[in-house]
Amino acid sequence: MRLLSIALVLLFTAGVAQAECSPETVTIRDGETVLNFTVDVADTPRERSRGLMFVEDLPRQSGMLFVFDRPRAVTFWMKNTLIPLDMLFVDRTGVVRHIHHEAIPHDETQIEGGDSVFAVLEINGGLARRYSLTVGAELRHPVFSDGPAAWPC
């Protein structure tokens, strides 16, 4: 009976760990802060070019994760984007390397993210500061599992 109980606990724990790392969720760890964001993944050129354009309201713990085929220099802009956004520019390991706070709706000024960007997480403007997110924070998501992830699934 004891072995059955241990097996059930292990099975449940494995299921919980797996549920925490899903394509629909990005988990951010920054010091003792751990946050979950429900995300849409933009991993094709068409999805990335559309992004969050024309979105009128983004739920607080939601966002969009832009994923590139390989790390590269990226720039973003806010053309046709109706809400302010924070942009977290992330390297191949899932580590935040740059944060652009409160990008201005409709602004066509280029926002540079750096030279080795693999992914960009866009969340509601002001949340990065509200949650004290900093460069060096780690993201957990399946897209970072193909390489040496800082916080693997």
C-alpha atoms as a PDB file:
ATOM      1  CA  MET A   1       0.000   0.000   0.000  1.00  0.00           C
ATOM      2  CA  ARG A   2       2.838   2.364   0.875  1.00  0.00           C
ATOM      3  CA  LEU A   3       4.468   1.785  -2.540  1.00  0.00           C
ATOM      4  CA  LEU A   4       1.168   2.505  -4.268  1.00  0.00           C
ATOM      5  CA  SER A   5       0.868   5.785  -2.341  1.00  0.00           C
ATOM      6  CA  ILE A   6       4.411   6.804  -3.298  1.00  0.00           C
ATOM      7  CA  ALA A   7       3.756   5.892  -6.936  1.00  0.00           C
ATOM      8  CA  LEU A   8       0.583   7.982  -6.989  1.00  0.00           C
ATOM      9  CA  VAL A   9       2.392  10.960  -5.452  1.00  0.00           C
ATOM     10  CA  LEU A  10       5.179  10.683  -8.044  1.00  0.00           C
ATOM     11  CA  LEU A  11       2.677  10.379 -10.882  1.00  0.00           C
ATOM     12  CA  PHE A  12       0.720  13.409  -9.643  1.00  0.00           C
ATOM     13  CA  THR A  13       3.915  15.448  -9.162  1.00  0.00           C
ATOM     14  CA  ALA A  14       5.106  14.613 -12.686  1.00  0.00           C
ATOM     15  CA  GLY A  15       1.729  15.684 -14.083  1.00  0.00           C
ATOM     16  CA  VAL A  16       1.839  18.982 -12.203  1.00  0.00           C
ATOM     17  CA  ALA A  17       5.397  19.693 -13.400  1.00  0.00           C
ATOM     18  CA  GLN A  18       4.389  18.914 -16.960  1.00  0.00           C
ATOM     19  CA  ALA A  19       1.277  21.113 -16.738  1.00  0.00           C
ATOM     20  CA  GLU A  20       3.414  24.019 -15.553  1.00  0.00           C
ATOM     21  CA  CYS A  21       5.408  23.917 -18.811  1.00  0.00           C
ATOM     22  CA  SER A  22       2.927  24.132 -21.647  1.00  0.00           C
ATOM     23  CA  PRO A  23       2.854  25.978 -24.986  1.00  0.00           C
ATOM     24  CA  GLU A  24       0.095  28.252 -23.629  1.00  0.00           C
ATOM     25  CA  THR A  25       2.041  29.432 -20.564  1.00  0.00           C
ATOM     26  CA  VAL A  26       5.247  31.373 -20.002  1.00  0.00           C
ATOM     27  CA  THR A  27       6.554  31.283 -16.457  1.00  0.00           C
ATOM     28  CA  ILE A  28       8.959  34.030 -15.403  1.00  0.00           C
ATOM     29  CA  ARG A  29      11.329  33.674 -12.472  1.00  0.00           C
ATOM     30  CA  ASP A  30      13.133  36.758 -11.186  1.00  0.00           C
ATOM     31  CA  GLY A  31      14.618  36.251  -7.747  1.00  0.00           C
ATOM     32  CA  GLU A  32      11.773  35.093  -5.546  1.00  0.00           C
ATOM     33  CA  THR A  33       9.118  36.357  -7.954  1.00  0.00           C
ATOM     34  CA  VAL A  34       7.449  33.685 -10.104  1.00  0.00           C
ATOM     35  CA  LEU A  35       4.721  34.723 -12.556  1.00  0.00           C
ATOM     36  CA  ASN A  36       2.632  32.896 -15.143  1.00  0.00           C
ATOM     37  CA  PHE A  37       1.373  34.489 -18.339  1.00  0.00           C
ATOM     38  CA  THR A  38      -1.059  32.860 -20.730  1.00  0.00           C
ATOM     39  CA  VAL A  39       0.400  33.440 -24.190  1.00  0.00           C
ATOM     40  CA  ASP A  40      -0.275  33.122 -27.854  1.00  0.00           C
ATOM     41  CA  VAL A  41       2.867  32.012 -29.678  1.00  0.00           C
ATOM     42  CA  ALA A  42       3.866  33.837 -32.856  1.00  0.00           C
ATOM     43  CA  ASP A  43       6.455  31.627 -34.543  1.00  0.00           C
ATOM     44  CA  THR A  44       5.838  32.196 -38.246  1.00  0.00           C
ATOM     45  CA  PRO A  45       6.727  35.344 -40.203  1.00  0.00           C
ATOM     46  CA  ARG A  46       3.042  36.104 -40.750  1.00  0.00           C
ATOM     47  CA  GLU A  47       2.147  35.698 -37.043  1.00  0.00           C
ATOM     48  CA  ARG A  48       5.150  37.757 -35.957  1.00  0.00           C
ATOM     49  CA  SER A  49       4.334  40.591 -38.361  1.00  0.00           C
ATOM     50  CA  ARG A  50       0.739  40.767 -37.084  1.00  0.00           C
ATOM     51  CA  GLY A  51       1.624  40.410 -33.399  1.00  0.00           C
ATOM     52  CA  LEU A  52      -0.775  42.264 -31.133  1.00  0.00           C
ATOM     53  CA  MET A  53      -1.881  44.757 -33.775  1.00  0.00           C
ATOM     54  CA  PHE A  54      -5.521  45.798 -33.440  1.00  0.00           C
ATOM     55  CA  VAL A  55      -5.902  44.132 -30.012  1.00  0.00           C
ATOM     56  CA  GLU A  56      -8.055  46.470 -27.916  1.00  0.00           C
ATOM     57  CA  ASP A  57      -7.679  44.736 -24.562  1.00  0.00           C
ATOM     58  CA  LEU A  58      -5.132  42.270 -23.233  1.00  0.00           C
ATOM     59  CA  PRO A  59      -6.015  40.434 -20.012  1.00  0.00           C
ATOM     60  CA  ARG A  60      -3.552  41.272 -17.230  1.00  0.00           C
ATOM     61  CA  GLN A  61      -1.730  37.917 -17.079  1.00  0.00           C
ATOM     62  CA  SER A  62      -1.678  37.404 -20.855  1.00  0.00           C
ATOM     63  CA  GLY A  63       0.743  38.190 -23.616  1.00  0.00           C
ATOM     64  CA  MET A  64       2.327  37.107 -26.853  1.00  0.00           C
ATOM     65  CA  LEU A  65       5.566  35.170 -27.226  1.00  0.00           C
ATOM     66  CA  PHE A  66       7.375  35.889 -30.496  1.00  0.00           C
ATOM     67  CA  VAL A  67       9.781  33.072 -31.365  1.00  0.00           C
ATOM     68  CA  PHE A  68      12.453  33.196 -34.071  1.00  0.00           C
ATOM     69  CA  ASP A  69      14.110  30.294 -35.925  1.00  0.00           C
ATOM     70  CA  ARG A  70      17.505  31.310 -34.563  1.00  0.00           C
ATOM     71  CA  PRO A  71      18.897  34.125 -32.394  1.00  0.00           C
ATOM     72  CA  ARG A  72      19.172  37.371 -34.358  1.00  0.00           C
ATOM     73  CA  ALA A  73      19.041  41.142 -34.177  1.00  0.00           C
ATOM     74  CA  VAL A  74      15.410  42.246 -33.949  1.00  0.00           C
ATOM     75  CA  THR A  75      13.493  45.504 -33.975  1.00  0.00           C
ATOM     76  CA  PHE A  76       9.838  46.024 -33.160  1.00  0.00           C
ATOM     77  CA  TRP A  77       7.442  48.912 -33.618  1.00  0.00           C
ATOM     78  CA  MET A  78       3.941  49.744 -32.461  1.00  0.00           C
ATOM     79  CA  LYS A  79       2.237  50.480 -35.785  1.00  0.00           C
ATOM     80  CA  ASN A  80      -1.472  49.598 -35.486  1.00  0.00           C
ATOM     81  CA  THR A  81      -0.967  48.510 -31.873  1.00  0.00           C
ATOM     82  CA  LEU A  82      -3.680  50.005 -29.687  1.00  0.00           C
ATOM     83  CA  ILE A  83      -2.358  49.294 -26.169  1.00  0.00           C
ATOM     84  CA  PRO A  84       0.948  50.085 -24.412  1.00  0.00           C
ATOM     85  CA  LEU A  85       3.246  47.084 -24.099  1.00  0.00           C
ATOM     86  CA  ASP A  86       6.344  45.980 -22.232  1.00  0.00           C
ATOM     87  CA  MET A  87       8.737  43.944 -24.380  1.00  0.00           C
ATOM     88  CA  LEU A  88      11.092  41.422 -22.817  1.00  0.00           C
ATOM     89  CA  PHE A  89      13.857  40.439 -25.243  1.00  0.00           C
ATOM     90  CA  VAL A  90      15.101  36.948 -24.462  1.00  0.00           C
ATOM     91  CA  ASP A  91      18.128  34.898 -25.534  1.00  0.00           C
ATOM     92  CA  ARG A  92      18.202  31.224 -26.590  1.00  0.00           C
ATOM     93  CA  THR A  93      18.525  30.030 -22.981  1.00  0.00           C
ATOM     94  CA  GLY A  94      15.395  31.901 -21.862  1.00  0.00           C
ATOM     95  CA  VAL A  95      17.221  34.725 -20.068  1.00  0.00           C
ATOM     96  CA  VAL A  96      15.890  38.283 -20.418  1.00  0.00           C
ATOM     97  CA  ARG A  97      18.625  40.460 -21.947  1.00  0.00           C
ATOM     98  CA  HIS A  98      16.718  43.707 -22.475  1.00  0.00           C
ATOM     99  CA  ILE A  99      13.385  45.207 -21.412  1.00  0.00           C
ATOM    100  CA  HIS A 100      11.602  47.991 -23.255  1.00  0.00           C
ATOM    101  CA  HIS A 101       9.040  49.519 -20.919  1.00  0.00           C
ATOM    102  CA  GLU A 102       5.679  50.908 -22.007  1.00  0.00           C
ATOM    103  CA  ALA A 103       5.991  51.061 -25.771  1.00  0.00           C
ATOM    104  CA  ILE A 104       3.659  53.778 -27.044  1.00  0.00           C
ATOM    105  CA  PRO A 105       0.602  52.755 -29.122  1.00  0.00           C
ATOM    106  CA  HIS A 106       0.849  53.610 -32.846  1.00  0.00           C
ATOM    107  CA  ASP A 107       4.488  54.760 -32.520  1.00  0.00           C
ATOM    108  CA  GLU A 108       6.513  53.700 -35.551  1.00  0.00           C
ATOM    109  CA  THR A 109       9.874  54.347 -33.891  1.00  0.00           C
ATOM    110  CA  GLN A 110      12.068  51.245 -34.106  1.00  0.00           C
ATOM    111  CA  ILE A 111      12.539  49.459 -30.764  1.00  0.00           C
ATOM    112  CA  GLU A 112      15.822  47.561 -30.788  1.00  0.00           C
ATOM    113  CA  GLY A 113      16.069  44.394 -28.772  1.00  0.00           C
ATOM    114  CA  GLY A 114      19.701  43.447 -29.238  1.00  0.00           C
ATOM    115  CA  ASP A 115      21.770  41.167 -31.445  1.00  0.00           C
ATOM    116  CA  SER A 116      21.026  37.671 -30.124  1.00  0.00           C
ATOM    117  CA  VAL A 117      17.283  37.672 -29.545  1.00  0.00           C
ATOM    118  CA  PHE A 118      15.543  34.311 -29.791  1.00  0.00           C
ATOM    119  CA  ALA A 119      12.173  35.325 -28.350  1.00  0.00           C
ATOM    120  CA  VAL A 120      10.247  38.405 -27.256  1.00  0.00           C
ATOM    121  CA  LEU A 121       7.515  38.373 -24.644  1.00  0.00           C
ATOM    122  CA  GLU A 122       5.012  41.215 -24.949  1.00  0.00           C
ATOM    123  CA  ILE A 123       2.855  41.940 -21.913  1.00  0.00           C
ATOM    124  CA  ASN A 124       0.707  44.873 -20.825  1.00  0.00           C
ATOM    125  CA  GLY A 125       2.663  48.095 -20.451  1.00  0.00           C
ATOM    126  CA  GLY A 126       3.765  48.760 -16.890  1.00  0.00           C
ATOM    127  CA  LEU A 127       3.681  45.144 -15.670  1.00  0.00           C
ATOM    128  CA  ALA A 128       7.450  44.635 -15.895  1.00  0.00           C
ATOM    129  CA  ARG A 129       7.974  47.493 -13.445  1.00  0.00           C
ATOM    130  CA  ARG A 130       4.977  46.549 -11.300  1.00  0.00           C
ATOM    131  CA  TYR A 131       6.394  43.044 -10.838  1.00  0.00           C
ATOM    132  CA  SER A 132      10.007  44.339 -10.610  1.00  0.00           C
ATOM    133  CA  LEU A 133      11.129  42.237 -13.578  1.00  0.00           C
ATOM    134  CA  THR A 134      14.756  42.836 -14.485  1.00  0.00           C
ATOM    135  CA  VAL A 135      17.392  41.851 -17.016  1.00  0.00           C
ATOM    136  CA  GLY A 136      18.512  38.374 -15.996  1.00  0.00           C
ATOM    137  CA  ALA A 137      15.004  37.057 -15.273  1.00  0.00           C
ATOM    138  CA  GLU A 138      14.431  33.552 -16.634  1.00  0.00           C
ATOM    139  CA  LEU A 139      11.556  32.346 -18.796  1.00  0.00           C
ATOM    140  CA  ARG A 140      10.272  28.797 -18.775  1.00  0.00           C
ATOM    141  CA  HIS A 141       8.487  27.580 -21.909  1.00  0.00           C
ATOM    142  CA  PRO A 142       8.862  24.597 -24.273  1.00  0.00           C
ATOM    143  CA  VAL A 143      10.559  26.760 -26.965  1.00  0.00           C
ATOM    144  CA  PHE A 144      13.653  26.950 -24.774  1.00  0.00           C
ATOM    145  CA  SER A 145      13.853  23.156 -24.332  1.00  0.00           C
ATOM    146  CA  ASP A 146      15.831  22.458 -27.530  1.00  0.00           C
ATOM    147  CA  GLY A 147      18.962  24.091 -26.139  1.00  0.00           C
ATOM    148  CA  PRO A 148      20.737  24.756 -22.875  1.00  0.00           C
ATOM    149  CA  ALA A 149      17.779  26.337 -21.071  1.00  0.00           C
ATOM    150  CA  ALA A 150      18.428  28.426 -17.952  1.00  0.00           C
ATOM    151  CA  TRP A 151      15.173  27.053 -16.507  1.00  0.00           C
ATOM    152  CA  PRO A 152      14.281  23.851 -18.382  1.00  0.00           C
ATOM    153  CA  CYS A 153      10.851  22.271 -18.634  1.00  0.00           C
END
